């Protein structure tokens, strides 16, 4: 590993290749989080996975909650995995990358599925098979493309080029601008979790997007409670050191949001 102590990044540097990105070690407590300065209510929205219908319902539900609670400065944090699995990957990105009519601050985190897509765009031969196996075909279809039978490396290059031809610049900018995490008070919002074998000051970006175990079973006190998605659960999981809110929207028909304020935590759900 190449440790870079005290480095805080808002997104994985696009100038680095995928292997280099994964070697970078960062202090997640220093992740730029200007949106949370003076924030009094944070909404964390779980993995959307191409379910535009549920995302639209959730946006309306959160807007109604803001109207009812009347926080002075709310922030909405989307935990990543906007694409794959469900039918409307491209439409979800279009929704989230378009201007919103309200003045609520929004932060978009990078999930492992966006990580796969970005890796595919950079190196299709190496990353195409993995992405197609875990939802890439659904993303392609949402952009009006089909995935033909792949015979050699050149086919992966052609497939990548076809996607780039139809991928709007705003979608590419959205993907490259996704952030690794958000810090608010004693909460850390990331897509997947953290490595319990390392202090928060020495975490790998890859783990923030991809880790499962040993994070899920760890009872370690990091000094911050981690709010994450990534791993599907039947109901939100509340533990002393973490809260998991991925309720498998693409197959369960339930998208979950966690609201956190001075009174504690509560769950908002959008369902079919």
Foldseek 3Di string as FASTA:
>chain_A
DDEDFADADFFQDPVDAPVVQQPYWAQLQPHDAVLQVVWFKEKEWAAQAFVVVLVVLVVVVVVVVCVVVVTPAYEYEYAENQHFLAQASVVSLVVVLDDDPDPHHYAYAYAVLLVLVSNCLVQVLVRVVVNVVGGVQSRQVNLVHGQDDDDDSVSSVVVSVVCVVRRDPSSVVSSRSHGAWHDHDQEIEAAEFFDPVDQSSTTGSCCSHDDDPPGVVDPDANSHAYEYEHDADCQWDDDPRYIYQHPPCSPQQKIKMWMQGPVGIDIDIGGD
